[in-house]
C-alpha atoms as a PDB file:
ATOM      1  CA  UNK A   1      14.619 -21.871 -11.282  1.00  0.00           C
ATOM      2  CA  UNK A   2      17.992 -21.408 -12.494  1.00  0.00           C
ATOM      3  CA  UNK A   3      21.251 -21.271  -9.978  1.00  0.00           C
ATOM      4  CA  UNK A   4      21.999 -17.646 -11.063  1.00  0.00           C
ATOM      5  CA  UNK A   5      18.143 -16.416 -10.075  1.00  0.00           C
ATOM      6  CA  UNK A   6      18.686 -18.304  -6.819  1.00  0.00           C
ATOM      7  CA  UNK A   7      22.516 -16.719  -6.391  1.00  0.00           C
ATOM      8  CA  UNK A   8      20.656 -13.262  -7.122  1.00  0.00           C
ATOM      9  CA  UNK A   9      17.909 -13.434  -4.504  1.00  0.00           C
ATOM     10  CA  UNK A  10      15.892 -11.415  -7.018  1.00  0.00           C
ATOM     11  CA  UNK A  11      12.141 -11.631  -7.347  1.00  0.00           C
ATOM     12  CA  UNK A  12      10.323  -9.831 -10.422  1.00  0.00           C
ATOM     13  CA  UNK A  13       7.074  -8.626  -9.479  1.00  0.00           C
ATOM     14  CA  UNK A  14       4.708  -7.625 -13.004  1.00  0.00           C
ATOM     15  CA  UNK A  15       2.741  -4.902 -12.567  1.00  0.00           C
ATOM     16  CA  UNK A  16       0.287  -2.171 -13.712  1.00  0.00           C
ATOM     17  CA  UNK A  17       0.045   1.215 -12.704  1.00  0.00           C
ATOM     18  CA  UNK A  18      -3.324   0.997 -12.368  1.00  0.00           C
ATOM     19  CA  UNK A  19      -3.688  -2.313 -10.795  1.00  0.00           C
ATOM     20  CA  UNK A  20      -4.984  -2.646  -7.032  1.00  0.00           C
ATOM     21  CA  UNK A  21      -4.203  -6.076  -6.782  1.00  0.00           C
ATOM     22  CA  UNK A  22      -0.758  -5.113  -7.886  1.00  0.00           C
ATOM     23  CA  UNK A  23      -0.143  -2.563  -5.134  1.00  0.00           C
ATOM     24  CA  UNK A  24      -1.936  -5.505  -2.331  1.00  0.00           C
ATOM     25  CA  UNK A  25       0.757  -7.685  -3.711  1.00  0.00           C
ATOM     26  CA  UNK A  26       3.657  -5.584  -3.210  1.00  0.00           C
ATOM     27  CA  UNK A  27       2.902  -4.710  -0.067  1.00  0.00           C
ATOM     28  CA  UNK A  28       2.156  -8.251   0.931  1.00  0.00           C
ATOM     29  CA  UNK A  29       5.335  -9.248  -0.675  1.00  0.00           C
ATOM     30  CA  UNK A  30       7.922  -6.465   1.016  1.00  0.00           C
ATOM     31  CA  UNK A  31       8.102  -7.454   4.508  1.00  0.00           C
ATOM     32  CA  UNK A  32       8.696 -11.244   3.484  1.00  0.00           C
ATOM     33  CA  UNK A  33      11.094 -10.294   0.982  1.00  0.00           C
ATOM     34  CA  UNK A  34      12.947  -8.357   3.670  1.00  0.00           C
ATOM     35  CA  UNK A  35      13.047 -10.977   5.992  1.00  0.00           C
ATOM     36  CA  UNK A  36      15.059 -13.252   3.603  1.00  0.00           C
ATOM     37  CA  UNK A  37      16.979 -10.432   2.238  1.00  0.00           C
ATOM     38  CA  UNK A  38      15.469 -10.767  -1.186  1.00  0.00           C
ATOM     39  CA  UNK A  39      15.136  -7.884  -3.551  1.00  0.00           C
ATOM     40  CA  UNK A  40      12.058  -7.265  -5.388  1.00  0.00           C
ATOM     41  CA  UNK A  41      12.514  -5.817  -9.038  1.00  0.00           C
ATOM     42  CA  UNK A  42       9.098  -4.531 -10.348  1.00  0.00           C
ATOM     43  CA  UNK A  43       8.293  -3.875 -13.874  1.00  0.00           C
ATOM     44  CA  UNK A  44       5.610  -2.448 -15.166  1.00  0.00           C
ATOM     45  CA  UNK A  45       4.129  -4.720 -17.948  1.00  0.00           C
ATOM     46  CA  UNK A  46       2.926  -1.306 -19.872  1.00  0.00           C
ATOM     47  CA  UNK A  47       6.411  -0.069 -20.640  1.00  0.00           C
ATOM     48  CA  UNK A  48       7.449  -3.665 -22.631  1.00  0.00           C
ATOM     49  CA  UNK A  49       5.042  -4.232 -25.454  1.00  0.00           C
ATOM     50  CA  UNK A  50       6.371  -8.148 -25.328  1.00  0.00           C
ATOM     51  CA  UNK A  51       5.629  -8.158 -21.322  1.00  0.00           C
ATOM     52  CA  UNK A  52       2.298  -6.991 -22.134  1.00  0.00           C
ATOM     53  CA  UNK A  53       1.294  -9.153 -25.039  1.00  0.00           C
ATOM     54  CA  UNK A  54       2.503 -12.342 -22.777  1.00  0.00           C
ATOM     55  CA  UNK A  55       0.780 -11.315 -19.597  1.00  0.00           C
ATOM     56  CA  UNK A  56      -1.771  -8.581 -20.563  1.00  0.00           C
ATOM     57  CA  UNK A  57      -4.701  -9.097 -17.875  1.00  0.00           C
ATOM     58  CA  UNK A  58      -2.630 -11.908 -15.847  1.00  0.00           C
ATOM     59  CA  UNK A  59      -0.989  -9.733 -13.074  1.00  0.00           C
ATOM     60  CA  UNK A  60       0.179  -8.945 -11.066  1.00  0.00           C
ATOM     61  CA  UNK A  61       2.400 -12.009 -11.250  1.00  0.00           C
ATOM     62  CA  UNK A  62       5.550 -12.711  -9.377  1.00  0.00           C
ATOM     63  CA  UNK A  63       8.318 -14.373 -10.453  1.00  0.00           C
ATOM     64  CA  UNK A  64      11.581 -16.067  -9.525  1.00  0.00           C
ATOM     65  CA  UNK A  65      13.658 -16.691 -12.569  1.00  0.00           C
ATOM     66  CA  UNK A  66      10.861 -17.889 -14.832  1.00  0.00           C
ATOM     67  CA  UNK A  67       9.100 -19.908 -12.136  1.00  0.00           C
ATOM     68  CA  UNK A  68       5.813 -18.097 -11.320  1.00  0.00           C
ATOM     69  CA  UNK A  69       4.973 -17.972  -7.625  1.00  0.00           C
ATOM     70  CA  UNK A  70       1.646 -16.342  -7.449  1.00  0.00           C
ATOM     71  CA  UNK A  71      -0.597 -14.285 -10.146  1.00  0.00           C
ATOM     72  CA  UNK A  72      -3.375 -12.130  -9.143  1.00  0.00           C
ATOM     73  CA  UNK A  73      -3.189 -13.089  -5.567  1.00  0.00           C
ATOM     74  CA  UNK A  74      -0.261 -12.968  -2.733  1.00  0.00           C
ATOM     75  CA  UNK A  75      -0.022 -16.391  -2.210  1.00  0.00           C
ATOM     76  CA  UNK A  76       2.199 -16.152   1.168  1.00  0.00           C
ATOM     77  CA  UNK A  77       2.426 -20.299   1.838  1.00  0.00           C
ATOM     78  CA  UNK A  78       4.131 -20.689  -1.703  1.00  0.00           C
ATOM     79  CA  UNK A  79       6.127 -17.525  -1.593  1.00  0.00           C
ATOM     80  CA  UNK A  80       7.323 -18.054   2.067  1.00  0.00           C
ATOM     81  CA  UNK A  81       8.321 -22.107   1.079  1.00  0.00           C
ATOM     82  CA  UNK A  82      10.324 -20.752  -2.284  1.00  0.00           C
ATOM     83  CA  UNK A  83      12.320 -18.243  -0.041  1.00  0.00           C
ATOM     84  CA  UNK A  84      12.839 -20.962   2.757  1.00  0.00           C
ATOM     85  CA  UNK A  85      13.884 -23.521   0.136  1.00  0.00           C
ATOM     86  CA  UNK A  86      16.056 -21.219  -1.840  1.00  0.00           C
ATOM     87  CA  UNK A  87      17.685 -20.240   1.276  1.00  0.00           C
ATOM     88  CA  UNK A  88      18.358 -23.395   2.289  1.00  0.00           C
ATOM     89  CA  UNK A  89      19.859 -24.273  -0.454  1.00  0.00           C
ATOM     90  CA  UNK A  90      22.047 -20.841  -0.931  1.00  0.00           C
END
């Protein structure tokens, strides 16, 4: 992950409007992001042909910069570990 991504304290959640797994990941992520003071930018891949081709049915995906933190299901251990590591560097 780039230093710029860490400095921005921003994660990206790739979703689709009709995706219940996306809803689940969004709901699970929100309190953890709030606790660590990170923002979550949500992008509906159906609004971007490049993202739609790249990720297609492989969503939801949570990214920090270009690093994939989790996909399909929220991995609280991986995300919390990343946030702890990134925060300690910051």
